[in-house]
Amino acid sequence: MNEVVQKGRSLYHELGGEEAIRRLVDIFYDIVEQDEDAAELHLLHRRGHGVAHSREEQFNYLCGFFGGPSYYVQKHGHSRLKEIHEHVAIGPELRDLWLKCMRQAVDKAELPERLQDLILRHFTFAAETTRNRE
């Protein structure tokens, strides 16, 4: 079948389920913690509840975001990105930095190549949704 996502299967399942999402999140936060270019994101996460907390919350969020278990909604009652991030000043620079780190994580996570563009389109939309500053 040449379709990106097979009919009747969620992107969550096509990616490889929890294991693949956990790997993507871990790679993303490893980049955030270790890449000098991502220092602003790292500091932002450290000021909040910490990177370990962010890793778990992003894992919970992405499982549902890609059509799997809605762990984040079960815990918080919703998954509205704008509300989740309203306490953080997110302008175009921070949005783009997050996307840059996520693109690197998608490249390193060995996700199915046929899905990578689709995933990045979803992340681009999500990142723009969180932007609350010019």
N, C-alpha and C. Protein backbone atom coordinates (compact mmCIF):
# COMPACT_ATOMS: atom_id res chain seq x y z
N MET A 1 0.84 -1.17 0.00
CA MET A 1 0.00 0.00 0.00
C MET A 1 0.89 1.24 0.00
N ASN A 2 0.63 2.19 -0.89
CA ASN A 2 1.46 3.37 -1.02
C ASN A 2 1.02 4.54 -0.16
N GLU A 3 -0.10 4.43 0.54
CA GLU A 3 -0.56 5.51 1.38
C GLU A 3 0.43 5.71 2.53
N VAL A 4 0.55 6.95 2.98
CA VAL A 4 1.47 7.24 4.08
C VAL A 4 1.03 6.50 5.34
N VAL A 5 -0.25 6.65 5.68
CA VAL A 5 -0.80 5.94 6.83
C VAL A 5 -1.85 4.97 6.30
N GLN A 6 -1.69 3.70 6.63
CA GLN A 6 -2.62 2.69 6.14
C GLN A 6 -4.02 2.95 6.67
N LYS A 7 -4.99 2.73 5.83
CA LYS A 7 -6.38 2.96 6.20
C LYS A 7 -6.72 2.16 7.47
N GLY A 8 -7.34 2.86 8.43
CA GLY A 8 -7.75 2.20 9.66
C GLY A 8 -6.69 2.15 10.74
N ARG A 9 -5.50 2.66 10.44
CA ARG A 9 -4.43 2.66 11.45
C ARG A 9 -4.08 4.10 11.80
N SER A 10 -3.85 4.34 13.07
CA SER A 10 -3.48 5.68 13.51
C SER A 10 -2.00 5.92 13.24
N LEU A 11 -1.65 7.17 13.21
CA LEU A 11 -0.24 7.53 13.07
C LEU A 11 0.56 6.98 14.26
N TYR A 12 -0.05 6.95 15.41
CA TYR A 12 0.55 6.36 16.62
C TYR A 12 1.02 4.93 16.33
N HIS A 13 0.14 4.13 15.75
CA HIS A 13 0.50 2.73 15.45
C HIS A 13 1.51 2.64 14.31
N GLU A 14 1.34 3.49 13.30
CA GLU A 14 2.26 3.48 12.17
C GLU A 14 3.69 3.84 12.61
N LEU A 15 3.79 4.72 13.60
CA LEU A 15 5.11 5.13 14.10
C LEU A 15 5.78 4.04 14.93
N GLY A 16 4.98 3.18 15.54
CA GLY A 16 5.54 2.13 16.39
C GLY A 16 5.07 2.20 17.83
N GLY A 17 4.01 2.96 18.10
CA GLY A 17 3.41 2.99 19.42
C GLY A 17 4.26 3.69 20.47
N GLU A 18 4.03 3.29 21.71
CA GLU A 18 4.68 3.95 22.84
C GLU A 18 6.20 3.93 22.76
N GLU A 19 6.74 2.82 22.33
CA GLU A 19 8.20 2.71 22.26
C GLU A 19 8.80 3.78 21.33
N ALA A 20 8.19 3.96 20.18
CA ALA A 20 8.69 4.94 19.22
C ALA A 20 8.49 6.37 19.73
N ILE A 21 7.36 6.62 20.37
CA ILE A 21 7.09 7.96 20.89
C ILE A 21 8.06 8.27 22.03
N ARG A 22 8.28 7.31 22.89
CA ARG A 22 9.22 7.51 24.01
C ARG A 22 10.61 7.81 23.45
N ARG A 23 11.01 7.08 22.44
CA ARG A 23 12.33 7.30 21.83
C ARG A 23 12.43 8.70 21.24
N LEU A 24 11.40 9.14 20.52
CA LEU A 24 11.39 10.48 19.94
C LEU A 24 11.49 11.54 21.03
N VAL A 25 10.71 11.41 22.06
CA VAL A 25 10.73 12.38 23.16
C VAL A 25 12.09 12.40 23.85
N ASP A 26 12.65 11.23 24.10
CA ASP A 26 13.97 11.18 24.76
C ASP A 26 15.04 11.82 23.89
N ILE A 27 15.01 11.55 22.61
CA ILE A 27 16.00 12.17 21.70
C ILE A 27 15.81 13.68 21.68
N PHE A 28 14.56 14.13 21.60
CA PHE A 28 14.28 15.56 21.59
C PHE A 28 14.85 16.24 22.84
N TYR A 29 14.56 15.68 24.01
CA TYR A 29 15.03 16.32 25.23
C TYR A 29 16.53 16.15 25.45
N ASP A 30 17.12 15.10 24.90
CA ASP A 30 18.58 15.00 24.91
C ASP A 30 19.18 16.16 24.11
N ILE A 31 18.57 16.47 22.98
CA ILE A 31 19.03 17.60 22.16
C ILE A 31 18.86 18.90 22.94
N VAL A 32 17.70 19.08 23.54
CA VAL A 32 17.43 20.29 24.32
C VAL A 32 18.45 20.46 25.44
N GLU A 33 18.80 19.37 26.09
CA GLU A 33 19.73 19.44 27.22
C GLU A 33 21.20 19.57 26.80
N GLN A 34 21.54 19.08 25.61
CA GLN A 34 22.95 18.99 25.26
C GLN A 34 23.42 19.93 24.16
N ASP A 35 22.53 20.38 23.31
CA ASP A 35 22.91 21.23 22.18
C ASP A 35 22.97 22.68 22.63
N GLU A 36 24.11 23.31 22.45
CA GLU A 36 24.28 24.71 22.85
C GLU A 36 23.25 25.61 22.17
N ASP A 37 22.90 25.29 20.94
CA ASP A 37 21.92 26.10 20.21
C ASP A 37 20.53 26.04 20.85
N ALA A 38 20.27 25.02 21.66
CA ALA A 38 18.97 24.85 22.30
C ALA A 38 18.96 25.34 23.74
N ALA A 39 19.98 26.07 24.13
CA ALA A 39 20.11 26.50 25.53
C ALA A 39 18.87 27.25 26.03
N GLU A 40 18.26 28.07 25.18
CA GLU A 40 17.08 28.82 25.60
C GLU A 40 15.92 27.87 25.95
N LEU A 41 15.73 26.84 25.16
CA LEU A 41 14.69 25.84 25.47
C LEU A 41 15.02 25.09 26.74
N HIS A 42 16.27 24.75 26.92
CA HIS A 42 16.68 24.02 28.12
C HIS A 42 16.41 24.86 29.36
N LEU A 43 16.80 26.11 29.33
CA LEU A 43 16.57 27.00 30.46
C LEU A 43 15.07 27.15 30.73
N LEU A 44 14.29 27.28 29.70
CA LEU A 44 12.85 27.40 29.85
C LEU A 44 12.26 26.18 30.56
N HIS A 45 12.69 25.00 30.19
CA HIS A 45 12.19 23.78 30.82
C HIS A 45 12.69 23.64 32.26
N ARG A 46 13.91 24.07 32.50
CA ARG A 46 14.44 24.00 33.87
C ARG A 46 13.70 24.96 34.79
N ARG A 47 13.27 26.11 34.26
CA ARG A 47 12.52 27.07 35.08
C ARG A 47 11.13 26.55 35.44
N GLY A 48 10.60 25.68 34.62
CA GLY A 48 9.28 25.11 34.88
C GLY A 48 9.38 23.99 35.90
N HIS A 49 8.81 22.88 35.58
CA HIS A 49 8.83 21.72 36.48
C HIS A 49 10.04 20.82 36.26
N GLY A 50 10.91 21.21 35.35
CA GLY A 50 12.11 20.43 35.07
C GLY A 50 11.98 19.60 33.81
N VAL A 51 13.13 19.20 33.29
CA VAL A 51 13.15 18.47 32.03
C VAL A 51 12.54 17.07 32.19
N ALA A 52 12.76 16.41 33.31
CA ALA A 52 12.18 15.07 33.50
C ALA A 52 10.65 15.15 33.44
N HIS A 53 10.08 16.16 34.07
CA HIS A 53 8.63 16.36 34.02
C HIS A 53 8.18 16.62 32.58
N SER A 54 8.92 17.46 31.86
CA SER A 54 8.57 17.78 30.48
C SER A 54 8.64 16.56 29.59
N ARG A 55 9.64 15.72 29.81
CA ARG A 55 9.74 14.48 29.03
C ARG A 55 8.47 13.64 29.18
N GLU A 56 8.03 13.48 30.41
CA GLU A 56 6.85 12.65 30.66
C GLU A 56 5.59 13.30 30.10
N GLU A 57 5.45 14.60 30.30
CA GLU A 57 4.25 15.28 29.80
C GLU A 57 4.21 15.27 28.27
N GLN A 58 5.36 15.45 27.64
CA GLN A 58 5.36 15.43 26.17
C GLN A 58 5.06 14.02 25.66
N PHE A 59 5.60 13.01 26.31
CA PHE A 59 5.27 11.64 25.93
C PHE A 59 3.76 11.42 26.04
N ASN A 60 3.19 11.81 27.16
CA ASN A 60 1.75 11.65 27.37
C ASN A 60 0.96 12.39 26.30
N TYR A 61 1.39 13.61 25.99
CA TYR A 61 0.70 14.42 24.99
C TYR A 61 0.80 13.79 23.60
N LEU A 62 2.02 13.42 23.21
CA LEU A 62 2.22 12.93 21.85
C LEU A 62 1.52 11.60 21.59
N CYS A 63 1.38 10.76 22.60
CA CYS A 63 0.64 9.52 22.40
C CYS A 63 -0.76 9.84 21.88
N GLY A 64 -1.45 10.75 22.53
CA GLY A 64 -2.79 11.13 22.08
C GLY A 64 -2.77 11.95 20.80
N PHE A 65 -1.79 12.82 20.66
CA PHE A 65 -1.65 13.68 19.48
C PHE A 65 -1.59 12.86 18.20
N PHE A 66 -0.93 11.70 18.29
CA PHE A 66 -0.78 10.83 17.12
C PHE A 66 -1.85 9.74 17.04
N GLY A 67 -2.87 9.81 17.89
CA GLY A 67 -4.01 8.90 17.78
C GLY A 67 -3.95 7.68 18.67
N GLY A 68 -3.05 7.69 19.64
CA GLY A 68 -2.96 6.59 20.59
C GLY A 68 -3.66 6.92 21.90
N PRO A 69 -3.25 6.30 22.98
CA PRO A 69 -3.88 6.55 24.29
C PRO A 69 -3.81 8.03 24.67
N SER A 70 -4.88 8.53 25.24
CA SER A 70 -4.96 9.96 25.58
C SER A 70 -4.53 10.18 27.03
N TYR A 71 -3.30 9.81 27.35
CA TYR A 71 -2.78 9.93 28.71
C TYR A 71 -2.84 11.37 29.22
N TYR A 72 -2.48 12.32 28.36
CA TYR A 72 -2.44 13.72 28.78
C TYR A 72 -3.85 14.20 29.14
N VAL A 73 -4.82 13.90 28.32
CA VAL A 73 -6.20 14.31 28.58
C VAL A 73 -6.72 13.63 29.84
N GLN A 74 -6.39 12.37 30.03
CA GLN A 74 -6.81 11.66 31.24
C GLN A 74 -6.27 12.35 32.49
N LYS A 75 -5.08 12.86 32.40
CA LYS A 75 -4.42 13.49 33.56
C LYS A 75 -4.87 14.94 33.75
N HIS A 76 -5.02 15.69 32.64
CA HIS A 76 -5.26 17.13 32.73
C HIS A 76 -6.64 17.58 32.27
N GLY A 77 -7.41 16.70 31.65
CA GLY A 77 -8.76 17.03 31.25
C GLY A 77 -8.89 17.66 29.87
N HIS A 78 -7.79 18.01 29.23
CA HIS A 78 -7.81 18.58 27.88
C HIS A 78 -6.41 18.48 27.29
N SER A 79 -6.33 18.82 25.99
CA SER A 79 -5.02 18.82 25.32
C SER A 79 -4.88 20.05 24.44
N ARG A 80 -5.46 21.16 24.87
CA ARG A 80 -5.41 22.40 24.10
C ARG A 80 -4.05 23.08 24.26
N LEU A 81 -3.27 23.03 23.20
CA LEU A 81 -1.89 23.52 23.25
C LEU A 81 -1.78 24.98 23.67
N LYS A 82 -2.66 25.82 23.18
CA LYS A 82 -2.59 27.24 23.53
C LYS A 82 -2.74 27.42 25.04
N GLU A 83 -3.66 26.71 25.65
CA GLU A 83 -3.85 26.80 27.10
C GLU A 83 -2.68 26.18 27.86
N ILE A 84 -2.19 25.08 27.37
CA ILE A 84 -1.07 24.41 28.03
C ILE A 84 0.14 25.33 28.11
N HIS A 85 0.35 26.14 27.08
CA HIS A 85 1.54 26.98 27.00
C HIS A 85 1.29 28.45 27.29
N GLU A 86 0.11 28.81 27.78
CA GLU A 86 -0.22 30.23 27.97
C GLU A 86 0.70 30.93 28.96
N HIS A 87 1.31 30.19 29.87
CA HIS A 87 2.20 30.80 30.87
C HIS A 87 3.62 31.05 30.33
N VAL A 88 3.88 30.64 29.09
CA VAL A 88 5.20 30.79 28.49
C VAL A 88 5.10 31.76 27.31
N ALA A 89 5.98 32.73 27.27
CA ALA A 89 6.02 33.67 26.14
C ALA A 89 6.68 32.97 24.95
N ILE A 90 5.87 32.65 23.95
CA ILE A 90 6.38 31.93 22.78
C ILE A 90 6.18 32.81 21.55
N GLY A 91 7.29 33.31 21.06
CA GLY A 91 7.29 34.08 19.83
C GLY A 91 7.83 33.23 18.69
N PRO A 92 8.00 33.82 17.53
CA PRO A 92 8.49 33.06 16.37
C PRO A 92 9.85 32.41 16.60
N GLU A 93 10.74 33.08 17.32
CA GLU A 93 12.08 32.52 17.54
C GLU A 93 12.04 31.25 18.37
N LEU A 94 11.27 31.29 19.46
CA LEU A 94 11.18 30.11 20.32
C LEU A 94 10.43 28.98 19.61
N ARG A 95 9.39 29.34 18.87
CA ARG A 95 8.66 28.34 18.06
C ARG A 95 9.62 27.65 17.09
N ASP A 96 10.41 28.46 16.39
CA ASP A 96 11.33 27.91 15.39
C ASP A 96 12.44 27.08 16.03
N LEU A 97 12.90 27.47 17.21
CA LEU A 97 13.92 26.70 17.92
C LEU A 97 13.35 25.33 18.31
N TRP A 98 12.13 25.32 18.81
CA TRP A 98 11.49 24.05 19.17
C TRP A 98 11.39 23.16 17.94
N LEU A 99 10.95 23.74 16.83
CA LEU A 99 10.83 22.96 15.59
C LEU A 99 12.17 22.44 15.10
N LYS A 100 13.20 23.27 15.20
CA LYS A 100 14.54 22.84 14.78
C LYS A 100 14.98 21.61 15.59
N CYS A 101 14.79 21.67 16.91
CA CYS A 101 15.17 20.54 17.76
C CYS A 101 14.32 19.31 17.46
N MET A 102 13.03 19.53 17.18
CA MET A 102 12.16 18.39 16.88
C MET A 102 12.51 17.78 15.53
N ARG A 103 12.87 18.62 14.56
CA ARG A 103 13.32 18.07 13.26
C ARG A 103 14.55 17.19 13.46
N GLN A 104 15.49 17.64 14.27
CA GLN A 104 16.68 16.84 14.55
C GLN A 104 16.29 15.53 15.22
N ALA A 105 15.35 15.59 16.16
CA ALA A 105 14.92 14.38 16.86
C ALA A 105 14.24 13.41 15.89
N VAL A 106 13.40 13.92 15.01
CA VAL A 106 12.74 13.06 14.02
C VAL A 106 13.79 12.40 13.13
N ASP A 107 14.81 13.15 12.73
CA ASP A 107 15.89 12.59 11.91
C ASP A 107 16.61 11.46 12.64
N LYS A 108 16.87 11.65 13.92
CA LYS A 108 17.66 10.68 14.70
C LYS A 108 16.84 9.50 15.21
N ALA A 109 15.53 9.63 15.27
CA ALA A 109 14.68 8.61 15.92
C ALA A 109 14.43 7.39 15.05
N GLU A 110 14.89 7.42 13.80
CA GLU A 110 14.71 6.28 12.91
C GLU A 110 13.24 5.91 12.75
N LEU A 111 12.39 6.93 12.66
CA LEU A 111 10.98 6.71 12.39
C LEU A 111 10.83 6.36 10.92
N PRO A 112 9.75 5.69 10.55
CA PRO A 112 9.57 5.35 9.14
C PRO A 112 9.70 6.58 8.25
N GLU A 113 10.58 6.50 7.28
CA GLU A 113 10.88 7.65 6.42
C GLU A 113 9.62 8.17 5.73
N ARG A 114 8.72 7.29 5.35
CA ARG A 114 7.51 7.68 4.65
C ARG A 114 6.59 8.55 5.50
N LEU A 115 6.83 8.56 6.83
CA LEU A 115 5.98 9.32 7.74
C LEU A 115 6.61 10.63 8.22
N GLN A 116 7.89 10.81 7.96
CA GLN A 116 8.60 11.95 8.55
C GLN A 116 8.03 13.30 8.12
N ASP A 117 7.72 13.48 6.84
CA ASP A 117 7.16 14.76 6.40
C ASP A 117 5.81 15.02 7.06
N LEU A 118 4.99 13.99 7.16
CA LEU A 118 3.68 14.12 7.80
C LEU A 118 3.84 14.52 9.27
N ILE A 119 4.73 13.87 9.96
CA ILE A 119 4.98 14.17 11.37
C ILE A 119 5.42 15.63 11.53
N LEU A 120 6.33 16.05 10.67
CA LEU A 120 6.84 17.42 10.77
C LEU A 120 5.76 18.45 10.42
N ARG A 121 4.85 18.11 9.53
CA ARG A 121 3.71 19.02 9.26
C ARG A 121 2.84 19.15 10.49
N HIS A 122 2.58 18.04 11.18
CA HIS A 122 1.81 18.07 12.43
C HIS A 122 2.53 18.92 13.48
N PHE A 123 3.83 18.73 13.60
CA PHE A 123 4.59 19.50 14.59
C PHE A 123 4.64 20.99 14.24
N THR A 124 4.73 21.30 12.96
CA THR A 124 4.75 22.71 12.53
C THR A 124 3.42 23.38 12.90
N PHE A 125 2.32 22.71 12.65
CA PHE A 125 1.01 23.24 13.02
C PHE A 125 0.93 23.41 14.54
N ALA A 126 1.36 22.40 15.28
CA ALA A 126 1.30 22.45 16.75
C ALA A 126 2.16 23.59 17.28
N ALA A 127 3.36 23.75 16.74
CA ALA A 127 4.26 24.81 17.21
C ALA A 127 3.66 26.18 16.96
N GLU A 128 3.05 26.37 15.82
CA GLU A 128 2.41 27.66 15.53
C GLU A 128 1.22 27.88 16.46
N THR A 129 0.51 26.83 16.81
CA THR A 129 -0.62 26.94 17.71
C THR A 129 -0.18 27.45 19.09
N THR A 130 1.00 27.08 19.52
CA THR A 130 1.48 27.51 20.84
C THR A 130 1.96 28.95 20.87
N ARG A 131 2.25 29.51 19.68
CA ARG A 131 2.80 30.88 19.64
C ARG A 131 1.78 31.86 20.17
N ASN A 132 2.22 32.67 21.12
CA ASN A 132 1.33 33.65 21.73
C ASN A 132 1.95 35.06 21.78
N ARG A 133 3.05 35.22 21.07
CA ARG A 133 3.72 36.52 20.94
C ARG A 133 4.13 36.73 19.49
N GLU A 134 4.30 37.99 19.11
CA GLU A 134 4.73 38.30 17.73
C GLU A 134 6.21 38.16 17.57
